[in-house]
Amino acid sequence: MNTSSSSEGFKYFLENYIKEKEKQAVPNILVCGYTGTGKTSIIQSLFGKDTVDDKLIGHGKPMTQGFEKYKNPNINVWDSKGFEHDKAQSELTEETKKWIKAKENNPDSSIHMIWYTIHGPLARVTESDTDFIKSFKNIITIITQVDRTSKKQLEEMI
């Protein structure tokens, strides 16, 4: 076996693989939900404290304003402003839909998936939650703080 041609073949494969990989869009995920449900904490657990400082976590107080992008070579995650209970749910849903629609024509910024957070210890999924969830495709519901949520509370939410 000729090791020179083997290494040339591998080099050719690797160069082409890297070129193709660079052409691919990185997945974009939007994390949204009500204030205090752990959106920024989830993102911090993905990216670490070097990227998402503890000061950005409001512990129930609104900290993120608008949409904040966190990225690495493999994934982009957008942190959204927390929904407030005093604001009409339809208004929140429409704002989010408009923001997503504005990004959909560019594969580099198009939102591929939504993670919707629900605070586990509150043990309730509201009509507003279900209306929002039903308004989108490619949405995953994440129950946060399950370590502080009883089995009964989890069963009630599911």
C-alpha atoms as a PDB file:
ATOM      1  CA  MET A   1       0.000   0.000   0.000  1.00  0.00           C
ATOM      2  CA  ASN A   2       1.320   3.393  -0.953  1.00  0.00           C
ATOM      3  CA  THR A   3       1.125   5.645   2.137  1.00  0.00           C
ATOM      4  CA  SER A   4       1.771   8.744   0.031  1.00  0.00           C
ATOM      5  CA  SER A   5      -1.395   8.242  -2.030  1.00  0.00           C
ATOM      6  CA  SER A   6      -3.358   7.310   1.123  1.00  0.00           C
ATOM      7  CA  SER A   7      -2.382  10.526   2.829  1.00  0.00           C
ATOM      8  CA  GLU A   8      -3.103  12.539  -0.328  1.00  0.00           C
ATOM      9  CA  GLY A   9      -6.533  10.914  -0.520  1.00  0.00           C
ATOM     10  CA  PHE A  10      -7.224  11.694   3.125  1.00  0.00           C
ATOM     11  CA  LYS A  11      -6.002  15.271   2.680  1.00  0.00           C
ATOM     12  CA  TYR A  12      -8.300  15.694  -0.351  1.00  0.00           C
ATOM     13  CA  PHE A  13     -11.241  14.238   1.600  1.00  0.00           C
ATOM     14  CA  LEU A  14     -10.580  16.476   4.619  1.00  0.00           C
ATOM     15  CA  GLU A  15     -10.253  19.658   2.540  1.00  0.00           C
ATOM     16  CA  ASN A  16     -13.533  18.937   0.744  1.00  0.00           C
ATOM     17  CA  TYR A  17     -15.271  18.004   3.983  1.00  0.00           C
ATOM     18  CA  ILE A  18     -14.222  21.309   5.558  1.00  0.00           C
ATOM     19  CA  LYS A  19     -15.418  23.273   2.497  1.00  0.00           C
ATOM     20  CA  GLU A  20     -18.814  21.549   2.586  1.00  0.00           C
ATOM     21  CA  LYS A  21     -19.130  21.980   6.350  1.00  0.00           C
ATOM     22  CA  GLU A  22     -18.488  25.722   6.003  1.00  0.00           C
ATOM     23  CA  LYS A  23     -21.357  25.980   3.483  1.00  0.00           C
ATOM     24  CA  GLN A  24     -23.872  24.468   5.894  1.00  0.00           C
ATOM     25  CA  ALA A  25     -26.006  26.753   8.003  1.00  0.00           C
ATOM     26  CA  VAL A  26     -25.555  26.445  11.748  1.00  0.00           C
ATOM     27  CA  PRO A  27     -28.825  25.599  13.549  1.00  0.00           C
ATOM     28  CA  ASN A  28     -30.580  28.564  15.156  1.00  0.00           C
ATOM     29  CA  ILE A  29     -32.692  27.942  18.244  1.00  0.00           C
ATOM     30  CA  LEU A  30     -34.974  30.490  19.906  1.00  0.00           C
ATOM     31  CA  VAL A  31     -35.494  30.077  23.655  1.00  0.00           C
ATOM     32  CA  CYS A  32     -38.640  31.781  24.917  1.00  0.00           C
ATOM     33  CA  GLY A  33     -41.131  31.667  27.754  1.00  0.00           C
ATOM     34  CA  TYR A  34     -42.275  33.757  30.672  1.00  0.00           C
ATOM     35  CA  THR A  35     -39.887  35.795  32.824  1.00  0.00           C
ATOM     36  CA  GLY A  36     -38.205  33.659  35.466  1.00  0.00           C
ATOM     37  CA  THR A  37     -38.659  30.295  33.752  1.00  0.00           C
ATOM     38  CA  GLY A  38     -34.922  29.714  33.260  1.00  0.00           C
ATOM     39  CA  LYS A  39     -34.336  30.665  29.622  1.00  0.00           C
ATOM     40  CA  THR A  40     -30.950  32.303  30.177  1.00  0.00           C
ATOM     41  CA  SER A  41     -29.924  29.595  32.664  1.00  0.00           C
ATOM     42  CA  ILE A  42     -30.496  26.934  29.993  1.00  0.00           C
ATOM     43  CA  ILE A  43     -28.330  28.880  27.565  1.00  0.00           C
ATOM     44  CA  GLN A  44     -25.647  29.313  30.235  1.00  0.00           C
ATOM     45  CA  SER A  45     -25.617  25.543  30.764  1.00  0.00           C
ATOM     46  CA  LEU A  46     -24.972  25.084  27.017  1.00  0.00           C
ATOM     47  CA  PHE A  47     -22.329  27.772  26.542  1.00  0.00           C
ATOM     48  CA  GLY A  48     -20.837  28.178  30.013  1.00  0.00           C
ATOM     49  CA  LYS A  49     -20.307  31.139  32.318  1.00  0.00           C
ATOM     50  CA  ASP A  50     -17.607  32.592  30.071  1.00  0.00           C
ATOM     51  CA  THR A  51     -20.256  33.301  27.430  1.00  0.00           C
ATOM     52  CA  VAL A  52     -23.333  33.865  29.616  1.00  0.00           C
ATOM     53  CA  ASP A  53     -22.364  35.692  32.792  1.00  0.00           C
ATOM     54  CA  ASP A  54     -24.312  35.122  36.025  1.00  0.00           C
ATOM     55  CA  LYS A  55     -25.212  38.844  35.951  1.00  0.00           C
ATOM     56  CA  LEU A  56     -27.432  38.134  32.939  1.00  0.00           C
ATOM     57  CA  ILE A  57     -29.632  35.768  34.938  1.00  0.00           C
ATOM     58  CA  GLY A  58     -32.455  37.670  36.609  1.00  0.00           C
ATOM     59  CA  HIS A  59     -33.859  35.018  38.975  1.00  0.00           C
ATOM     60  CA  GLY A  60     -37.432  36.019  38.187  1.00  0.00           C
ATOM     61  CA  LYS A  61     -36.694  39.598  37.139  1.00  0.00           C
ATOM     62  CA  PRO A  62     -36.653  40.542  33.447  1.00  0.00           C
ATOM     63  CA  MET A  63     -33.033  40.901  32.285  1.00  0.00           C
ATOM     64  CA  THR A  64     -32.967  40.144  28.553  1.00  0.00           C
ATOM     65  CA  GLN A  65     -34.453  42.894  26.416  1.00  0.00           C
ATOM     66  CA  GLY A  66     -35.384  41.956  22.867  1.00  0.00           C
ATOM     67  CA  PHE A  67     -33.407  39.032  21.457  1.00  0.00           C
ATOM     68  CA  GLU A  68     -29.814  38.227  22.446  1.00  0.00           C
ATOM     69  CA  LYS A  69     -27.730  35.874  20.284  1.00  0.00           C
ATOM     70  CA  TYR A  70     -25.190  33.421  21.717  1.00  0.00           C
ATOM     71  CA  LYS A  71     -23.136  31.411  19.272  1.00  0.00           C
ATOM     72  CA  ASN A  72     -20.396  28.882  18.856  1.00  0.00           C
ATOM     73  CA  PRO A  73     -19.230  27.030  15.728  1.00  0.00           C
ATOM     74  CA  ASN A  74     -21.969  24.380  16.065  1.00  0.00           C
ATOM     75  CA  ILE A  75     -25.100  26.229  17.199  1.00  0.00           C
ATOM     76  CA  ASN A  76     -26.670  29.671  17.609  1.00  0.00           C
ATOM     77  CA  VAL A  77     -29.126  30.192  20.437  1.00  0.00           C
ATOM     78  CA  TRP A  78     -31.311  33.261  20.727  1.00  0.00           C
ATOM     79  CA  ASP A  79     -32.434  34.306  24.204  1.00  0.00           C
ATOM     80  CA  SER A  80     -35.710  36.210  24.114  1.00  0.00           C
ATOM     81  CA  LYS A  81     -37.142  38.794  26.431  1.00  0.00           C
ATOM     82  CA  GLY A  82     -39.292  37.031  28.998  1.00  0.00           C
ATOM     83  CA  PHE A  83     -43.016  37.182  28.466  1.00  0.00           C
ATOM     84  CA  GLU A  84     -44.876  39.188  31.084  1.00  0.00           C
ATOM     85  CA  HIS A  85     -48.240  38.064  32.449  1.00  0.00           C
ATOM     86  CA  ASP A  86     -49.702  41.557  32.142  1.00  0.00           C
ATOM     87  CA  LYS A  87     -49.187  41.613  28.358  1.00  0.00           C
ATOM     88  CA  ALA A  88     -51.752  40.030  26.044  1.00  0.00           C
ATOM     89  CA  GLN A  89     -50.631  36.580  24.903  1.00  0.00           C
ATOM     90  CA  SER A  90     -51.730  37.219  21.323  1.00  0.00           C
ATOM     91  CA  GLU A  91     -49.468  40.282  21.259  1.00  0.00           C
ATOM     92  CA  LEU A  92     -46.488  38.226  22.489  1.00  0.00           C
ATOM     93  CA  THR A  93     -47.167  35.510  19.942  1.00  0.00           C
ATOM     94  CA  GLU A  94     -47.446  38.027  17.094  1.00  0.00           C
ATOM     95  CA  GLU A  95     -44.220  39.809  18.113  1.00  0.00           C
ATOM     96  CA  THR A  96     -42.382  36.483  18.138  1.00  0.00           C
ATOM     97  CA  LYS A  97     -43.881  35.408  14.793  1.00  0.00           C
ATOM     98  CA  LYS A  98     -42.827  38.710  13.177  1.00  0.00           C
ATOM     99  CA  TRP A  99     -39.291  38.368  14.528  1.00  0.00           C
ATOM    100  CA  ILE A 100     -39.028  34.781  13.230  1.00  0.00           C
ATOM    101  CA  LYS A 101     -40.530  35.719   9.839  1.00  0.00           C
ATOM    102  CA  ALA A 102     -37.987  38.536   9.398  1.00  0.00           C
ATOM    103  CA  LYS A 103     -35.220  35.919   9.644  1.00  0.00           C
ATOM    104  CA  GLU A 104     -36.698  33.135   7.523  1.00  0.00           C
ATOM    105  CA  ASN A 105     -35.241  34.083   4.111  1.00  0.00           C
ATOM    106  CA  ASN A 106     -31.638  33.788   5.274  1.00  0.00           C
ATOM    107  CA  PRO A 107     -30.491  30.227   6.086  1.00  0.00           C
ATOM    108  CA  ASP A 108     -27.811  31.614   8.400  1.00  0.00           C
ATOM    109  CA  SER A 109     -30.359  33.369  10.612  1.00  0.00           C
ATOM    110  CA  SER A 110     -33.555  31.384  10.032  1.00  0.00           C
ATOM    111  CA  ILE A 111     -34.955  29.903  13.258  1.00  0.00           C
ATOM    112  CA  HIS A 112     -34.935  26.111  13.021  1.00  0.00           C
ATOM    113  CA  MET A 113     -36.439  25.293  16.410  1.00  0.00           C
ATOM    114  CA  ILE A 114     -38.065  26.935  19.434  1.00  0.00           C
ATOM    115  CA  TRP A 115     -37.492  25.837  23.006  1.00  0.00           C
ATOM    116  CA  TYR A 116     -40.421  27.027  25.140  1.00  0.00           C
ATOM    117  CA  THR A 117     -39.729  27.045  28.875  1.00  0.00           C
ATOM    118  CA  ILE A 118     -42.269  26.366  31.611  1.00  0.00           C
ATOM    119  CA  HIS A 119     -41.343  26.798  35.276  1.00  0.00           C
ATOM    120  CA  GLY A 120     -41.756  23.367  36.905  1.00  0.00           C
ATOM    121  CA  PRO A 121     -42.316  24.388  40.538  1.00  0.00           C
ATOM    122  CA  LEU A 122     -45.357  26.484  39.539  1.00  0.00           C
ATOM    123  CA  ALA A 123     -46.977  23.236  38.336  1.00  0.00           C
ATOM    124  CA  ARG A 124     -49.212  24.818  35.771  1.00  0.00           C
ATOM    125  CA  VAL A 125     -49.477  25.060  32.043  1.00  0.00           C
ATOM    126  CA  THR A 126     -51.714  27.990  31.238  1.00  0.00           C
ATOM    127  CA  GLU A 127     -54.021  28.464  28.287  1.00  0.00           C
ATOM    128  CA  SER A 128     -51.564  31.143  27.141  1.00  0.00           C
ATOM    129  CA  ASP A 129     -48.769  28.550  27.175  1.00  0.00           C
ATOM    130  CA  THR A 130     -50.738  26.067  25.076  1.00  0.00           C
ATOM    131  CA  ASP A 131     -51.907  28.790  22.657  1.00  0.00           C
ATOM    132  CA  PHE A 132     -48.304  29.899  22.117  1.00  0.00           C
ATOM    133  CA  ILE A 133     -47.049  26.328  21.674  1.00  0.00           C
ATOM    134  CA  LYS A 134     -49.786  25.535  19.136  1.00  0.00           C
ATOM    135  CA  SER A 135     -48.880  28.654  17.120  1.00  0.00           C
ATOM    136  CA  PHE A 136     -45.528  27.278  15.983  1.00  0.00           C
ATOM    137  CA  LYS A 137     -43.991  24.267  14.289  1.00  0.00           C
ATOM    138  CA  ASN A 138     -40.707  22.777  15.497  1.00  0.00           C
ATOM    139  CA  ILE A 139     -41.274  23.676  19.135  1.00  0.00           C
ATOM    140  CA  ILE A 140     -40.094  21.751  22.176  1.00  0.00           C
ATOM    141  CA  THR A 141     -41.453  22.413  25.651  1.00  0.00           C
ATOM    142  CA  ILE A 142     -38.851  22.362  28.405  1.00  0.00           C
ATOM    143  CA  ILE A 143     -39.989  22.068  32.014  1.00  0.00           C
ATOM    144  CA  THR A 144     -37.341  23.866  34.051  1.00  0.00           C
ATOM    145  CA  GLN A 145     -36.201  23.346  37.623  1.00  0.00           C
ATOM    146  CA  VAL A 146     -37.484  19.773  37.684  1.00  0.00           C
ATOM    147  CA  ASP A 147     -35.166  19.112  40.615  1.00  0.00           C
ATOM    148  CA  ARG A 148     -37.465  21.405  42.627  1.00  0.00           C
ATOM    149  CA  THR A 149     -40.666  19.982  41.135  1.00  0.00           C
ATOM    150  CA  SER A 150     -42.587  17.136  42.746  1.00  0.00           C
ATOM    151  CA  LYS A 151     -43.733  14.087  40.823  1.00  0.00           C
ATOM    152  CA  LYS A 152     -47.342  15.192  41.355  1.00  0.00           C
ATOM    153  CA  GLN A 153     -46.588  18.649  39.919  1.00  0.00           C
ATOM    154  CA  LEU A 154     -44.954  17.110  36.845  1.00  0.00           C
ATOM    155  CA  GLU A 155     -47.897  14.764  36.301  1.00  0.00           C
ATOM    156  CA  GLU A 156     -50.317  17.711  36.482  1.00  0.00           C
ATOM    157  CA  MET A 157     -48.391  19.569  33.776  1.00  0.00           C
ATOM    158  CA  ILE A 158     -48.190  16.634  31.415  1.00  0.00           C
END
